[in-house]
Amino acid sequence: MKRTIVKTNNAPAAIGTYSQAVKVGDTVYLAGQIPLVPETMVLVDGDMRAQIRRVFENLAAVAKASGGSLQDVVKLNVYLTDLGHFPLVNEVMAQYFREPCPARAAVGVAALPKGAAVEMDAVMVLGSARSPKKAKKKAKRNRR
């Protein structure tokens, strides 16, 4: 199956030997994002909420460049250097996702690139029937 490499200037450039995302069929694998400001490649200023928001903004930019949105995310992995920040992830995540939310894992780690406190990666399925409206339309089409 064909692989398409996704790249956008609206998210931080890769800081290693990886792609921002790789699309295979309708599935897009989004690389880990830390709270880097794309224009400066410097960690965002602000508290932990600001860092988490920046990560979601970076993921959203790569999702858009891939032809989707965060609503197409089916799996989200969260890496935190302090699991005490997990309630903040839930709080901020609620601003970016609506029901049904993606499957998720949260992992405590010793360190992240560039001294970041949070990193997230995701798997997205384009055209996934995650919204109830889309699911009803798809079910109706399948009955024909």
Protein backbone atom coordinates (compact mmCIF):
# COMPACT_ATOMS: atom_id res chain seq x y z
CA MET A 1 0.00 0.00 0.00
CA LYS A 2 1.23 3.49 -0.85
CA ARG A 3 2.75 5.65 1.90
CA THR A 4 2.38 9.42 1.75
CA ILE A 5 4.59 11.64 3.88
CA VAL A 6 2.77 14.62 5.39
CA LYS A 7 4.59 17.86 6.08
CA THR A 8 3.33 21.29 7.15
CA ASN A 9 4.96 24.53 8.23
CA ASN A 10 2.06 25.04 10.67
CA ALA A 11 3.56 22.49 13.07
CA PRO A 12 7.12 22.13 14.32
CA ALA A 13 9.57 20.68 11.83
CA ALA A 14 10.85 17.20 12.61
CA ILE A 15 13.86 17.40 14.93
CA GLY A 16 15.16 13.99 13.98
CA THR A 17 14.87 11.21 11.47
CA TYR A 18 11.08 11.04 11.27
CA SER A 19 8.12 12.55 9.43
CA GLN A 20 5.41 14.74 10.96
CA ALA A 21 2.91 12.13 9.75
CA VAL A 22 2.67 9.15 7.44
CA LYS A 23 -0.56 8.37 5.62
CA VAL A 24 -1.28 4.79 4.53
CA GLY A 25 -4.70 4.40 2.93
CA ASP A 26 -7.19 6.18 5.21
CA THR A 27 -4.97 5.80 8.28
CA VAL A 28 -2.61 8.57 9.33
CA TYR A 29 0.10 8.07 11.95
CA LEU A 30 0.91 11.42 13.57
CA ALA A 31 4.39 11.69 15.07
CA GLY A 32 4.85 12.84 18.63
CA GLN A 33 4.42 16.55 19.21
CA ILE A 34 5.91 18.52 22.07
CA PRO A 35 4.93 22.12 22.89
CA LEU A 36 7.21 23.75 20.34
CA VAL A 37 6.09 26.96 18.64
CA PRO A 38 6.41 26.15 14.92
CA GLU A 39 7.82 29.54 13.93
CA THR A 40 10.58 29.59 16.55
CA MET A 41 11.07 25.89 17.38
CA VAL A 42 11.24 26.98 21.04
CA LEU A 43 9.07 25.55 23.83
CA VAL A 44 5.95 27.66 24.38
CA ASP A 45 6.01 30.10 27.27
CA GLY A 46 3.42 29.60 29.97
CA ASP A 47 2.05 27.13 32.42
CA MET A 48 1.27 23.46 31.84
CA ARG A 49 -2.14 24.28 30.31
CA ALA A 50 -0.38 26.41 27.68
CA GLN A 51 2.01 23.55 26.94
CA ILE A 52 -0.81 21.03 26.56
CA ARG A 53 -2.76 23.45 24.33
CA ARG A 54 0.31 23.96 22.12
CA VAL A 55 0.67 20.19 21.69
CA PHE A 56 -2.98 19.89 20.63
CA GLU A 57 -2.55 22.83 18.23
CA ASN A 58 0.50 21.13 16.71
CA LEU A 59 -1.38 17.83 16.33
CA ALA A 60 -4.34 19.68 14.82
CA ALA A 61 -2.07 21.35 12.24
CA VAL A 62 -0.62 18.00 11.16
CA ALA A 63 -4.10 16.43 11.12
CA LYS A 64 -5.33 19.25 8.85
CA ALA A 65 -2.34 18.86 6.54
CA SER A 66 -3.23 15.16 6.35
CA GLY A 67 -6.77 15.93 5.21
CA GLY A 68 -8.51 15.46 8.55
CA SER A 69 -9.01 16.96 11.97
CA LEU A 70 -8.64 15.99 15.60
CA GLN A 71 -12.17 14.57 15.38
CA ASP A 72 -10.73 11.83 13.14
CA VAL A 73 -8.26 10.73 15.83
CA VAL A 74 -9.05 7.20 17.02
CA LYS A 75 -6.05 6.71 19.34
CA LEU A 76 -4.12 9.27 21.37
CA ASN A 77 -0.98 8.58 23.39
CA VAL A 78 0.04 11.07 26.09
CA TYR A 79 3.50 11.13 27.65
CA LEU A 80 4.03 13.20 30.82
CA THR A 81 7.12 13.77 32.91
CA ASP A 82 4.75 14.33 35.87
CA LEU A 83 1.55 12.27 35.97
CA GLY A 84 0.21 14.86 38.43
CA HIS A 85 -0.56 16.93 35.31
CA PHE A 86 -2.96 14.30 33.98
CA PRO A 87 -6.09 16.17 35.22
CA LEU A 88 -4.93 19.17 33.16
CA VAL A 89 -4.69 16.96 30.08
CA ASN A 90 -8.34 15.95 30.60
CA GLU A 91 -9.36 19.58 31.12
CA VAL A 92 -7.64 20.88 28.00
CA MET A 93 -8.49 17.83 25.90
CA ALA A 94 -12.20 18.53 26.47
CA GLN A 95 -11.70 21.78 24.54
CA TYR A 96 -10.37 19.94 21.47
CA PHE A 97 -12.46 16.74 21.32
CA ARG A 98 -16.14 15.95 21.47
CA GLU A 99 -17.86 12.62 22.08
CA PRO A 100 -17.04 9.98 21.17
CA CYS A 101 -13.51 10.65 22.32
CA PRO A 102 -10.58 8.62 20.98
CA ALA A 103 -9.05 5.72 22.83
CA ARG A 104 -6.15 7.02 24.92
CA ALA A 105 -3.14 5.96 26.93
CA ALA A 106 -1.18 8.09 29.38
CA VAL A 107 2.36 7.18 30.31
CA GLY A 108 4.72 8.69 32.85
CA VAL A 109 8.21 9.12 31.44
CA ALA A 110 11.53 10.27 32.90
CA ALA A 111 12.31 12.83 30.19
CA LEU A 112 11.15 14.15 26.81
CA PRO A 113 12.95 15.90 23.94
CA LYS A 114 14.11 19.47 24.54
CA GLY A 115 13.08 19.23 28.21
CA ALA A 116 9.35 19.24 27.38
CA ALA A 117 6.89 18.17 30.09
CA VAL A 118 4.34 16.68 27.66
CA GLU A 119 4.32 14.90 24.31
CA MET A 120 1.47 13.32 22.37
CA ASP A 121 1.16 11.21 19.24
CA ALA A 122 -1.96 9.93 17.55
CA VAL A 123 -3.50 7.62 14.99
CA MET A 124 -6.17 9.13 12.77
CA VAL A 125 -8.59 7.43 10.38
CA LEU A 126 -9.83 9.79 7.69
CA GLY A 127 -13.56 9.72 7.19
CA SER A 128 -14.03 7.73 10.38
CA ALA A 129 -17.63 7.75 11.48
CA ARG A 130 -16.83 9.18 14.89
CA SER A 131 -19.60 11.75 14.80
CA PRO A 132 -23.13 10.41 15.34
CA LYS A 133 -24.33 12.22 12.17
CA LYS A 134 -21.65 10.55 10.03
CA ALA A 135 -22.40 7.18 11.62
CA LYS A 136 -26.12 7.48 10.78
CA LYS A 137 -25.37 8.49 7.17
CA LYS A 138 -22.90 5.61 6.79
CA ALA A 139 -25.37 3.10 8.29
CA LYS A 140 -28.08 4.34 5.93
CA ARG A 141 -25.77 3.91 2.91
CA ASN A 142 -24.79 0.41 4.04
CA ARG A 143 -28.47 -0.67 4.24
CA ARG A 144 -29.02 0.08 0.55
